[in-house]
N, C-alpha and C. Protein backbone atom coordinates (compact mmCIF):
# COMPACT_ATOMS: atom_id res chain seq x y z
N UNK A 1 -7.11 -24.87 0.38
CA UNK A 1 -6.95 -25.25 1.75
C UNK A 1 -5.95 -26.40 1.81
N UNK A 2 -5.01 -26.29 2.73
CA UNK A 2 -3.99 -27.33 2.83
C UNK A 2 -4.53 -28.56 3.57
N UNK A 3 -3.80 -29.65 3.48
CA UNK A 3 -4.20 -30.89 4.15
C UNK A 3 -4.30 -30.68 5.66
N UNK A 4 -3.33 -29.99 6.23
CA UNK A 4 -3.34 -29.79 7.69
C UNK A 4 -4.51 -28.91 8.13
N UNK A 5 -4.95 -27.99 7.26
CA UNK A 5 -6.14 -27.18 7.58
C UNK A 5 -7.41 -28.04 7.50
N UNK A 6 -7.49 -28.90 6.50
CA UNK A 6 -8.67 -29.78 6.38
C UNK A 6 -8.76 -30.74 7.56
N UNK A 7 -7.63 -31.17 8.08
CA UNK A 7 -7.62 -32.12 9.19
C UNK A 7 -7.77 -31.44 10.55
N UNK A 8 -7.78 -30.11 10.57
CA UNK A 8 -7.94 -29.38 11.82
C UNK A 8 -6.66 -29.21 12.62
N UNK A 9 -5.52 -29.53 12.02
CA UNK A 9 -4.23 -29.41 12.70
C UNK A 9 -3.77 -27.95 12.69
N UNK A 10 -3.97 -27.31 11.59
CA UNK A 10 -3.59 -25.91 11.43
C UNK A 10 -4.87 -25.10 11.20
N UNK A 11 -5.03 -23.95 11.90
CA UNK A 11 -6.27 -23.18 11.74
C UNK A 11 -6.40 -22.59 10.34
N UNK A 12 -7.64 -22.44 9.91
CA UNK A 12 -7.94 -21.83 8.62
C UNK A 12 -7.95 -20.32 8.81
N UNK A 13 -7.28 -19.62 7.89
CA UNK A 13 -7.28 -18.15 7.93
C UNK A 13 -8.68 -17.65 7.64
N UNK A 14 -8.99 -16.50 8.19
CA UNK A 14 -10.28 -15.88 7.88
C UNK A 14 -10.37 -15.61 6.39
N UNK A 15 -11.46 -16.01 5.78
CA UNK A 15 -11.64 -15.81 4.35
C UNK A 15 -11.89 -14.34 4.04
N UNK A 16 -12.69 -13.68 4.87
CA UNK A 16 -13.00 -12.26 4.67
C UNK A 16 -12.49 -11.50 5.88
N UNK A 17 -11.64 -10.52 5.64
CA UNK A 17 -11.06 -9.74 6.73
C UNK A 17 -11.73 -8.37 6.73
N UNK A 18 -12.69 -8.19 7.60
CA UNK A 18 -13.50 -6.97 7.60
C UNK A 18 -12.89 -5.84 8.42
N UNK A 19 -12.41 -6.13 9.60
CA UNK A 19 -11.94 -5.09 10.52
C UNK A 19 -10.49 -4.71 10.29
N UNK A 20 -9.67 -5.66 9.94
CA UNK A 20 -8.25 -5.43 9.77
C UNK A 20 -7.74 -6.47 8.79
N UNK A 21 -6.52 -6.29 8.32
CA UNK A 21 -5.92 -7.27 7.43
C UNK A 21 -4.70 -7.87 8.11
N UNK A 22 -4.47 -9.15 7.85
CA UNK A 22 -3.31 -9.78 8.46
C UNK A 22 -2.04 -9.45 7.67
N UNK A 23 -0.90 -9.81 8.24
CA UNK A 23 0.38 -9.46 7.63
C UNK A 23 0.55 -10.08 6.25
N UNK A 24 0.03 -11.28 6.06
CA UNK A 24 0.16 -11.95 4.77
C UNK A 24 -0.58 -11.17 3.68
N UNK A 25 -1.81 -10.75 3.95
CA UNK A 25 -2.57 -9.98 2.98
C UNK A 25 -1.95 -8.60 2.76
N UNK A 26 -1.50 -7.98 3.85
CA UNK A 26 -0.87 -6.65 3.74
C UNK A 26 0.36 -6.72 2.84
N UNK A 27 1.15 -7.75 3.02
CA UNK A 27 2.36 -7.94 2.21
C UNK A 27 1.99 -8.20 0.74
N UNK A 28 0.97 -9.02 0.50
CA UNK A 28 0.54 -9.32 -0.86
C UNK A 28 0.01 -8.06 -1.56
N UNK A 29 -0.74 -7.24 -0.84
CA UNK A 29 -1.26 -6.00 -1.43
C UNK A 29 -0.12 -5.03 -1.75
N UNK A 30 0.85 -4.93 -0.84
CA UNK A 30 1.99 -4.03 -1.10
C UNK A 30 2.78 -4.52 -2.31
N UNK A 31 3.02 -5.82 -2.40
CA UNK A 31 3.75 -6.37 -3.54
C UNK A 31 3.02 -6.08 -4.85
N UNK A 32 1.69 -6.18 -4.81
CA UNK A 32 0.89 -5.88 -6.00
C UNK A 32 1.05 -4.41 -6.39
N UNK A 33 0.98 -3.51 -5.41
CA UNK A 33 1.21 -2.09 -5.69
C UNK A 33 2.60 -1.86 -6.27
N UNK A 34 3.58 -2.52 -5.69
CA UNK A 34 4.96 -2.34 -6.13
C UNK A 34 5.14 -2.78 -7.59
N UNK A 35 4.63 -3.98 -7.90
CA UNK A 35 4.81 -4.53 -9.24
C UNK A 35 3.96 -3.79 -10.28
N UNK A 36 2.72 -3.51 -9.93
CA UNK A 36 1.77 -2.96 -10.92
C UNK A 36 1.75 -1.44 -10.99
N UNK A 37 2.17 -0.75 -9.94
CA UNK A 37 2.08 0.71 -9.92
C UNK A 37 3.45 1.37 -9.78
N UNK A 38 4.11 1.16 -8.63
CA UNK A 38 5.35 1.91 -8.34
C UNK A 38 6.45 1.62 -9.37
N UNK A 39 6.53 0.39 -9.85
CA UNK A 39 7.58 0.06 -10.82
C UNK A 39 7.32 0.68 -12.19
N UNK A 40 6.13 1.20 -12.40
CA UNK A 40 5.77 1.83 -13.68
C UNK A 40 6.01 3.34 -13.67
N UNK A 41 6.57 3.85 -12.59
CA UNK A 41 6.80 5.29 -12.45
C UNK A 41 7.68 5.81 -13.58
N UNK A 42 7.20 6.87 -14.21
CA UNK A 42 7.97 7.54 -15.27
C UNK A 42 7.83 9.04 -15.11
N UNK A 43 8.90 9.74 -15.37
CA UNK A 43 8.88 11.19 -15.37
C UNK A 43 9.92 11.65 -16.37
N UNK A 44 9.46 12.31 -17.40
CA UNK A 44 10.38 12.71 -18.47
C UNK A 44 11.20 13.95 -18.12
N UNK A 45 10.75 14.71 -17.12
CA UNK A 45 11.45 15.95 -16.77
C UNK A 45 12.52 15.68 -15.72
N UNK A 46 12.11 15.13 -14.60
CA UNK A 46 13.04 14.81 -13.50
C UNK A 46 12.62 13.46 -12.96
N UNK A 47 13.45 12.46 -13.07
CA UNK A 47 13.08 11.09 -12.77
C UNK A 47 12.68 10.84 -11.31
N UNK A 48 12.86 11.81 -10.43
CA UNK A 48 12.57 11.59 -9.02
C UNK A 48 11.27 12.24 -8.55
N UNK A 49 10.78 13.24 -9.24
CA UNK A 49 9.66 14.02 -8.72
C UNK A 49 8.30 13.49 -9.14
N UNK A 50 7.31 13.78 -8.29
CA UNK A 50 5.92 13.42 -8.57
C UNK A 50 5.38 14.30 -9.70
N UNK A 51 5.73 15.58 -9.67
CA UNK A 51 5.23 16.52 -10.67
C UNK A 51 5.66 16.07 -12.07
N UNK A 52 4.76 16.16 -13.00
CA UNK A 52 4.96 15.75 -14.40
C UNK A 52 5.14 14.24 -14.57
N UNK A 53 4.81 13.45 -13.55
CA UNK A 53 4.95 12.00 -13.67
C UNK A 53 3.63 11.37 -14.07
N UNK A 54 3.70 10.11 -14.47
CA UNK A 54 2.48 9.38 -14.80
C UNK A 54 1.72 8.94 -13.55
N UNK A 55 2.28 9.14 -12.37
CA UNK A 55 1.63 8.76 -11.11
C UNK A 55 1.18 9.97 -10.29
N UNK A 56 1.29 11.17 -10.83
CA UNK A 56 0.93 12.38 -10.09
C UNK A 56 -0.52 12.32 -9.61
N UNK A 57 -1.44 11.97 -10.50
CA UNK A 57 -2.86 11.93 -10.12
C UNK A 57 -3.12 10.88 -9.05
N UNK A 58 -2.43 9.74 -9.12
CA UNK A 58 -2.59 8.72 -8.10
C UNK A 58 -2.15 9.24 -6.74
N UNK A 59 -0.99 9.88 -6.68
CA UNK A 59 -0.49 10.44 -5.41
C UNK A 59 -1.47 11.47 -4.88
N UNK A 60 -1.95 12.35 -5.73
CA UNK A 60 -2.91 13.37 -5.30
C UNK A 60 -4.20 12.74 -4.77
N UNK A 61 -4.69 11.72 -5.45
CA UNK A 61 -5.91 11.06 -4.99
C UNK A 61 -5.70 10.34 -3.66
N UNK A 62 -4.53 9.71 -3.49
CA UNK A 62 -4.23 9.07 -2.21
C UNK A 62 -4.22 10.09 -1.08
N UNK A 63 -3.60 11.24 -1.33
CA UNK A 63 -3.52 12.27 -0.30
C UNK A 63 -4.91 12.81 0.04
N UNK A 64 -5.71 13.00 -0.97
CA UNK A 64 -7.03 13.60 -0.76
C UNK A 64 -8.05 12.59 -0.21
N UNK A 65 -8.14 11.41 -0.83
CA UNK A 65 -9.22 10.48 -0.50
C UNK A 65 -8.88 9.44 0.55
N UNK A 66 -7.61 9.01 0.61
CA UNK A 66 -7.24 7.95 1.54
C UNK A 66 -6.66 8.50 2.84
N UNK A 67 -5.70 9.42 2.71
CA UNK A 67 -5.07 9.99 3.90
C UNK A 67 -5.82 11.20 4.44
N UNK A 68 -6.73 11.77 3.66
CA UNK A 68 -7.51 12.95 4.05
C UNK A 68 -6.60 14.12 4.43
N UNK A 69 -5.62 14.34 3.56
CA UNK A 69 -4.66 15.44 3.74
C UNK A 69 -4.75 16.37 2.54
N UNK A 70 -4.38 17.63 2.71
CA UNK A 70 -4.39 18.54 1.57
C UNK A 70 -3.40 18.06 0.50
N UNK A 71 -3.81 18.17 -0.74
CA UNK A 71 -2.97 17.73 -1.86
C UNK A 71 -1.62 18.47 -1.87
N UNK A 72 -1.65 19.75 -1.50
CA UNK A 72 -0.39 20.50 -1.53
C UNK A 72 0.57 20.10 -0.42
N UNK A 73 0.15 19.18 0.47
CA UNK A 73 1.07 18.67 1.48
C UNK A 73 1.72 17.36 1.05
N UNK A 74 1.37 16.87 -0.16
CA UNK A 74 1.98 15.63 -0.64
C UNK A 74 3.45 15.87 -0.98
N UNK A 75 4.29 14.85 -0.81
CA UNK A 75 5.71 15.01 -1.09
C UNK A 75 5.98 15.32 -2.56
N UNK A 76 7.03 16.04 -2.80
CA UNK A 76 7.39 16.35 -4.18
C UNK A 76 8.24 15.25 -4.80
N UNK A 77 8.90 14.46 -3.98
CA UNK A 77 9.72 13.36 -4.48
C UNK A 77 8.95 12.05 -4.42
N UNK A 78 9.04 11.26 -5.46
CA UNK A 78 8.29 10.01 -5.56
C UNK A 78 8.67 9.03 -4.46
N UNK A 79 9.96 8.92 -4.14
CA UNK A 79 10.36 7.96 -3.11
C UNK A 79 9.79 8.34 -1.75
N UNK A 80 9.61 9.65 -1.49
CA UNK A 80 9.00 10.09 -0.23
C UNK A 80 7.51 9.75 -0.22
N UNK A 81 6.84 9.90 -1.35
CA UNK A 81 5.42 9.56 -1.45
C UNK A 81 5.22 8.06 -1.23
N UNK A 82 6.05 7.25 -1.88
CA UNK A 82 5.95 5.81 -1.72
C UNK A 82 6.25 5.42 -0.27
N UNK A 83 7.25 6.04 0.33
CA UNK A 83 7.58 5.77 1.73
C UNK A 83 6.45 6.12 2.67
N UNK A 84 5.76 7.22 2.41
CA UNK A 84 4.63 7.63 3.24
C UNK A 84 3.49 6.63 3.12
N UNK A 85 3.20 6.21 1.90
CA UNK A 85 2.13 5.23 1.69
C UNK A 85 2.48 3.93 2.39
N UNK A 86 3.72 3.52 2.28
CA UNK A 86 4.18 2.28 2.94
C UNK A 86 4.04 2.39 4.45
N UNK A 87 4.49 3.50 5.01
CA UNK A 87 4.49 3.67 6.47
C UNK A 87 3.08 3.81 7.02
N UNK A 88 2.25 4.59 6.37
CA UNK A 88 0.94 4.91 6.93
C UNK A 88 -0.21 4.05 6.39
N UNK A 89 0.05 3.28 5.36
CA UNK A 89 -1.01 2.45 4.80
C UNK A 89 -0.73 0.97 4.87
N UNK A 90 0.53 0.58 5.07
CA UNK A 90 0.87 -0.83 5.00
C UNK A 90 1.74 -1.32 6.15
N UNK A 91 1.87 -0.54 7.18
CA UNK A 91 2.61 -0.97 8.36
C UNK A 91 1.64 -1.61 9.34
N UNK A 92 1.94 -2.79 9.85
CA UNK A 92 1.02 -3.43 10.79
C UNK A 92 0.77 -2.56 12.01
N UNK A 93 -0.48 -2.58 12.47
CA UNK A 93 -0.85 -1.85 13.68
C UNK A 93 -1.01 -2.89 14.77
N UNK A 94 -0.18 -2.79 15.81
CA UNK A 94 -0.24 -3.75 16.90
C UNK A 94 -1.17 -3.21 17.98
N UNK A 95 -2.11 -4.04 18.41
CA UNK A 95 -3.04 -3.66 19.46
C UNK A 95 -2.93 -4.62 20.61
N UNK A 96 -3.25 -4.14 21.78
CA UNK A 96 -3.28 -5.00 22.97
C UNK A 96 -4.60 -5.76 22.99
N UNK A 97 -4.51 -7.08 22.98
CA UNK A 97 -5.74 -7.89 23.04
C UNK A 97 -5.66 -8.88 24.15
């Protein structure tokens, strides 16, 4: 906690985000995925495709368990899969409050 938060000048962020995540946490989670997962992508057959890659099972599980979409509808190119995850899993949702 910063000095300004302890003094009540700057509000303290919610410690537990149950309903939604703020932009700071969303960005940190995406960066973690990028560094720990997406940057490790390897494919010995065709460097762009999901098929035969070390991340194929992850993409399939995301499509099935997180997006609730048929596995055969997942993109064949890795950059398209990453783009879909970014757009539909890590883009802020703005609501009227």
